[in-house]
Protein backbone atom coordinates (compact mmCIF):
# COMPACT_ATOMS: atom_id res chain seq x y z
CA MET A 1 -17.10 -0.14 -2.47
CA LYS A 2 -18.97 2.98 -3.43
CA THR A 3 -18.62 4.57 -6.86
CA GLU A 4 -18.83 8.30 -7.50
CA LEU A 5 -18.55 10.39 -10.62
CA VAL A 6 -15.66 12.84 -10.66
CA THR A 7 -18.21 15.66 -11.07
CA ASN A 8 -19.91 14.55 -7.83
CA LEU A 9 -16.53 14.59 -6.11
CA LYS A 10 -15.96 18.15 -7.29
CA ARG A 11 -19.38 19.28 -6.07
CA GLN A 12 -19.79 17.18 -2.94
CA ALA A 13 -16.29 16.41 -1.68
CA THR A 14 -17.14 17.20 1.95
CA ARG A 15 -20.13 14.83 1.98
CA ILE A 16 -18.23 12.06 0.16
CA LEU A 17 -15.31 12.33 2.60
CA ALA A 18 -17.68 12.33 5.59
CA ASP A 19 -19.48 9.23 4.26
CA MET A 20 -16.15 7.51 3.67
CA ARG A 21 -14.96 8.24 7.20
CA GLU A 22 -18.27 7.10 8.69
CA THR A 23 -18.48 3.82 6.77
CA GLY A 24 -14.75 3.13 6.28
CA GLU A 25 -15.65 2.21 2.71
CA SER A 26 -13.32 3.23 -0.13
CA VAL A 27 -14.71 5.17 -3.08
CA LEU A 28 -14.02 4.48 -6.74
CA ILE A 29 -13.98 7.71 -8.74
CA THR A 30 -14.99 7.44 -12.39
CA GLU A 31 -14.46 9.77 -15.33
CA HIS A 32 -16.46 9.27 -18.52
CA GLY A 33 -17.70 5.95 -17.16
CA LYS A 34 -14.20 4.56 -16.57
CA PRO A 35 -12.34 4.03 -13.28
CA SER A 36 -10.02 6.94 -12.62
CA ALA A 37 -8.95 6.84 -8.97
CA TYR A 38 -9.63 5.36 -5.56
CA LEU A 39 -10.37 7.48 -2.54
CA VAL A 40 -9.30 5.79 0.70
CA ASP A 41 -8.90 7.01 4.26
CA VAL A 42 -5.40 7.74 5.56
CA ASP A 43 -5.22 4.76 7.94
CA SER A 44 -6.19 2.30 5.19
CA PHE A 45 -3.70 3.81 2.77
CA GLU A 46 -0.84 3.68 5.28
CA PHE A 47 -1.76 0.09 6.20
CA MET A 48 -1.68 -0.90 2.51
CA GLU A 49 1.67 0.84 1.98
CA ASN A 50 3.22 -0.98 4.95
CA LYS A 51 1.78 -4.28 3.81
CA LEU A 52 3.21 -3.73 0.32
CA ARG A 53 6.65 -2.94 1.77
CA VAL A 54 6.62 -6.22 3.73
CA LEU A 55 5.53 -8.20 0.67
CA GLU A 56 8.23 -6.58 -1.46
CA GLY A 57 10.80 -7.58 1.16
CA ILE A 58 9.58 -11.17 1.06
CA VAL A 59 9.84 -11.21 -2.73
CA ARG A 60 13.40 -9.84 -2.58
CA GLY A 61 14.28 -12.53 -0.04
CA GLU A 62 12.77 -15.30 -2.14
CA ARG A 63 14.62 -14.02 -5.20
CA ALA A 64 17.90 -14.02 -3.25
CA VAL A 65 17.33 -17.64 -2.24
CA VAL A 66 16.59 -18.69 -5.83
CA GLU A 67 19.69 -16.84 -7.05
CA GLU A 68 21.71 -18.38 -4.19
CA ARG A 69 22.61 -14.97 -2.79
CA VAL A 70 22.29 -16.03 0.83
CA TYR A 71 24.57 -16.09 3.86
CA SER A 72 25.08 -18.80 6.40
CA GLU A 73 24.24 -17.81 9.97
CA GLU A 74 27.93 -17.32 10.69
CA GLU A 75 28.44 -15.11 7.60
CA ALA A 76 25.32 -13.10 8.40
CA THR A 77 26.46 -12.49 11.97
CA LYS A 78 29.85 -11.36 10.69
CA GLN A 79 28.27 -8.98 8.15
CA MET A 80 25.82 -7.55 10.68
CA SER A 81 28.52 -6.98 13.26
CA LYS A 82 30.19 -4.59 10.77
CA TRP A 83 26.99 -2.51 10.65
CA LEU A 84 26.35 -2.59 14.37
CA ASP A 85 29.84 -1.68 15.59
């Protein structure tokens, strides 16, 4: 991962974006020597968002199992038929 100062981003945004698109490498932006933000291409960001949504769904499902908030197949079919009718 590349690192750029925020002042470089202000002055050379076009070059930094072009480099990022060419290499596919994310850029860490720093302010006063500390990490401030990540610059990622649109496809990578959308991929990460979708992946996070799936993982959050898995966590909710695992939590439901632990808390015994689950349906049998028959109950699930009955509940889903209400939504699909």
